[in-house]
N, C-alpha and C. Protein backbone atom coordinates (compact mmCIF):
# COMPACT_ATOMS: atom_id res chain seq x y z
N MET A 1 6.77 9.41 -4.57
CA MET A 1 7.85 10.48 -4.12
C MET A 1 7.22 11.60 -4.07
N LEU A 2 6.05 12.13 -4.38
CA LEU A 2 5.29 13.40 -4.19
C LEU A 2 4.86 13.37 -2.80
N ILE A 3 4.30 12.35 -2.37
CA ILE A 3 3.87 12.19 -0.97
C ILE A 3 5.22 12.47 0.01
N MET A 4 6.11 11.79 -0.26
CA MET A 4 7.30 11.86 0.60
C MET A 4 8.02 13.23 0.62
N ARG A 5 7.76 14.17 -0.60
CA ARG A 5 8.12 15.72 -0.47
C ARG A 5 7.34 16.26 0.33
N LEU A 6 5.94 16.02 0.26
CA LEU A 6 5.05 16.87 0.85
C LEU A 6 5.36 16.62 2.47
N LEU A 7 5.47 15.31 2.83
CA LEU A 7 5.61 15.09 4.37
C LEU A 7 6.75 15.80 4.66
N LEU A 8 7.96 15.63 3.99
CA LEU A 8 9.04 16.52 4.48
C LEU A 8 8.89 17.89 4.41
N LEU A 9 8.17 18.49 3.72
CA LEU A 9 7.88 20.02 3.80
C LEU A 9 7.05 20.32 4.90
N LEU A 10 6.07 19.54 5.14
CA LEU A 10 5.31 19.82 6.24
C LEU A 10 5.95 19.70 7.64
N ALA A 11 6.88 18.54 7.69
CA ALA A 11 7.73 18.33 8.91
C ALA A 11 8.76 19.61 8.86
N VAL A 12 9.29 20.06 7.94
CA VAL A 12 10.38 21.04 7.98
C VAL A 12 9.56 22.46 8.60
N LEU A 13 8.33 22.55 7.98
CA LEU A 13 7.72 23.92 8.29
C LEU A 13 7.20 23.63 9.79
N GLY A 14 6.71 22.50 10.03
CA GLY A 14 6.24 22.35 11.67
C GLY A 14 7.30 22.66 12.65
N ILE A 15 8.57 21.92 12.34
CA ILE A 15 9.72 22.01 13.17
C ILE A 15 10.20 23.29 13.26
N GLY A 16 10.43 23.83 12.04
CA GLY A 16 10.90 25.50 11.95
C GLY A 16 10.07 26.34 12.70
N GLY A 17 8.78 26.06 12.49
CA GLY A 17 7.74 27.00 13.25
C GLY A 17 7.86 26.79 14.68
N SER A 18 7.89 25.61 14.99
CA SER A 18 8.10 25.41 16.50
C SER A 18 9.55 25.94 17.25
N LEU A 19 10.41 25.74 16.47
CA LEU A 19 11.70 26.42 16.85
C LEU A 19 11.77 28.05 16.78
N LEU A 20 11.07 28.53 16.01
CA LEU A 20 11.03 29.94 15.93
C LEU A 20 9.98 30.39 17.18
N LEU A 21 8.76 29.66 17.55
CA LEU A 21 8.18 30.00 18.69
C LEU A 21 9.00 29.80 19.94
N TRP A 22 9.91 28.87 19.88
CA TRP A 22 10.48 28.65 21.21
C TRP A 22 11.46 29.82 21.35
N MET A 23 12.32 30.20 20.23
CA MET A 23 13.15 31.31 20.25
C MET A 23 12.56 32.70 20.73
N LEU A 24 11.13 32.75 20.10
CA LEU A 24 10.65 34.20 20.55
C LEU A 24 9.94 33.96 21.92
N THR A 25 9.52 32.88 22.52
CA THR A 25 8.79 32.93 23.74
C THR A 25 9.85 32.36 24.71
N GLY A 26 10.80 31.46 24.61
CA GLY A 26 11.49 30.93 25.64
C GLY A 26 10.81 29.80 26.19
N ASN A 27 9.50 29.50 25.86
CA ASN A 27 8.81 28.36 26.38
C ASN A 27 9.74 27.01 25.87
N PRO A 28 9.97 26.14 26.94
CA PRO A 28 10.71 24.93 26.55
C PRO A 28 9.61 23.93 25.63
N ARG A 29 8.18 24.20 25.91
CA ARG A 29 7.21 23.21 25.31
C ARG A 29 7.39 23.12 23.81
N TYR A 30 7.73 24.16 23.05
CA TYR A 30 7.95 24.11 21.75
C TYR A 30 9.14 23.47 21.16
N ARG A 31 10.37 23.57 21.94
CA ARG A 31 11.69 22.88 21.56
C ARG A 31 11.14 21.34 21.89
N THR A 32 10.54 21.06 22.69
CA THR A 32 10.46 19.61 23.05
C THR A 32 9.26 19.16 21.95
N TRP A 33 8.40 19.70 21.37
CA TRP A 33 7.70 19.62 20.38
C TRP A 33 8.29 19.40 19.12
N ALA A 34 9.22 20.15 18.93
CA ALA A 34 10.19 20.15 17.62
C ALA A 34 11.08 18.97 17.63
N TRP A 35 11.46 18.40 18.91
CA TRP A 35 12.37 17.22 18.92
C TRP A 35 11.37 16.00 18.65
N LYS A 36 10.26 15.95 19.10
CA LYS A 36 9.39 14.58 18.97
C LYS A 36 8.95 14.80 17.38
N ALA A 37 8.58 15.94 16.91
CA ALA A 37 8.32 16.07 15.37
C ALA A 37 9.48 15.37 14.47
N PHE A 38 10.43 15.87 15.00
CA PHE A 38 11.85 15.54 14.15
C PHE A 38 12.00 13.88 14.14
N ARG A 39 11.62 13.48 15.37
CA ARG A 39 12.07 11.89 15.49
C ARG A 39 11.12 11.06 14.79
N VAL A 40 9.66 11.76 14.85
CA VAL A 40 8.47 11.01 14.09
C VAL A 40 8.83 11.08 12.71
N ALA A 41 9.39 12.22 12.22
CA ALA A 41 9.59 12.55 10.60
C ALA A 41 10.61 11.55 10.13
N ALA A 42 11.67 11.54 11.10
CA ALA A 42 12.84 10.48 10.71
C ALA A 42 12.52 9.29 10.54
N VAL A 43 11.69 8.64 11.40
CA VAL A 43 11.16 7.36 11.48
C VAL A 43 10.34 7.17 10.04
N VAL A 44 9.45 8.03 9.70
CA VAL A 44 8.48 8.16 8.58
C VAL A 44 9.37 7.85 7.41
N ILE A 45 10.38 8.98 7.28
CA ILE A 45 11.26 8.89 6.14
C ILE A 45 12.08 7.43 6.08
N PHE A 46 12.57 6.96 7.22
CA PHE A 46 13.13 5.70 7.12
C PHE A 46 12.24 4.63 6.59
N LEU A 47 10.94 4.37 6.95
CA LEU A 47 10.05 3.57 6.67
C LEU A 47 9.76 3.60 5.14
N LEU A 48 9.75 4.88 4.70
CA LEU A 48 9.22 5.01 3.13
C LEU A 48 10.65 4.49 2.60
N LEU A 49 11.66 5.17 2.94
CA LEU A 49 12.84 4.76 2.06
C LEU A 49 13.18 2.86 2.20
N ALA A 50 12.85 2.53 3.34
CA ALA A 50 12.78 0.90 3.21
C ALA A 50 11.95 0.31 2.55
N MET A 51 10.58 0.75 2.41
CA MET A 51 9.71 0.26 1.50
C MET A 51 10.17 0.48 0.01
N PHE A 52 10.77 1.72 -0.24
CA PHE A 52 11.28 1.60 -1.65
C PHE A 52 12.42 0.74 -2.02
N ALA A 53 13.31 0.69 -0.77
CA ALA A 53 14.50 -0.55 -1.27
C ALA A 53 13.73 -1.92 -1.40
N LEU A 54 12.73 -2.11 -0.63
CA LEU A 54 12.25 -3.47 -0.68
C LEU A 54 11.44 -3.65 -2.07
N GLU A 55 10.78 -2.77 -2.51
CA GLU A 55 10.24 -2.71 -3.64
C GLU A 55 11.47 -3.05 -5.01
N ARG A 56 12.39 -2.25 -4.83
CA ARG A 56 13.47 -2.63 -5.61
C ARG A 56 14.06 -4.09 -5.77
N VAL A 57 14.04 -4.61 -4.50
CA VAL A 57 14.49 -5.96 -4.29
C VAL A 57 13.52 -7.17 -4.89
N LEU A 58 12.26 -6.98 -4.64
CA LEU A 58 11.07 -7.81 -4.72
C LEU A 58 10.67 -7.66 -6.30
N VAL A 59 10.79 -6.50 -6.91
CA VAL A 59 10.14 -6.59 -8.16
C VAL A 59 10.94 -7.34 -9.24
N PRO A 60 11.83 -7.32 -9.14
CA PRO A 60 12.68 -8.25 -10.28
C PRO A 60 12.47 -9.71 -10.05
N LEU A 61 11.97 -10.19 -8.97
CA LEU A 61 11.63 -11.49 -8.45
C LEU A 61 10.25 -12.07 -9.48
N GLY A 62 9.44 -10.93 -9.36
CA GLY A 62 8.05 -11.08 -9.99
C GLY A 62 7.99 -11.17 -11.48
C-alpha cells in the first residue's frame, strides 16, 4: 500500500509540474507528456488494484 501511495504521489507531482510548465511556457509538449503520464499512472493503479482484488479472492482458497 505504501508503494501505491508513493507512485500516486510521484504521478501527481509529475503531472502537476508538467501542466504548470505548459501553462507558463505554452509549449504543448508538456501537456502531451502530462496526458501520457496520466494514462500510464491510471493503468498502473488499475493493475495494482486488480492484484489486490485477486489476492482477496485467492487467499481464502489456500
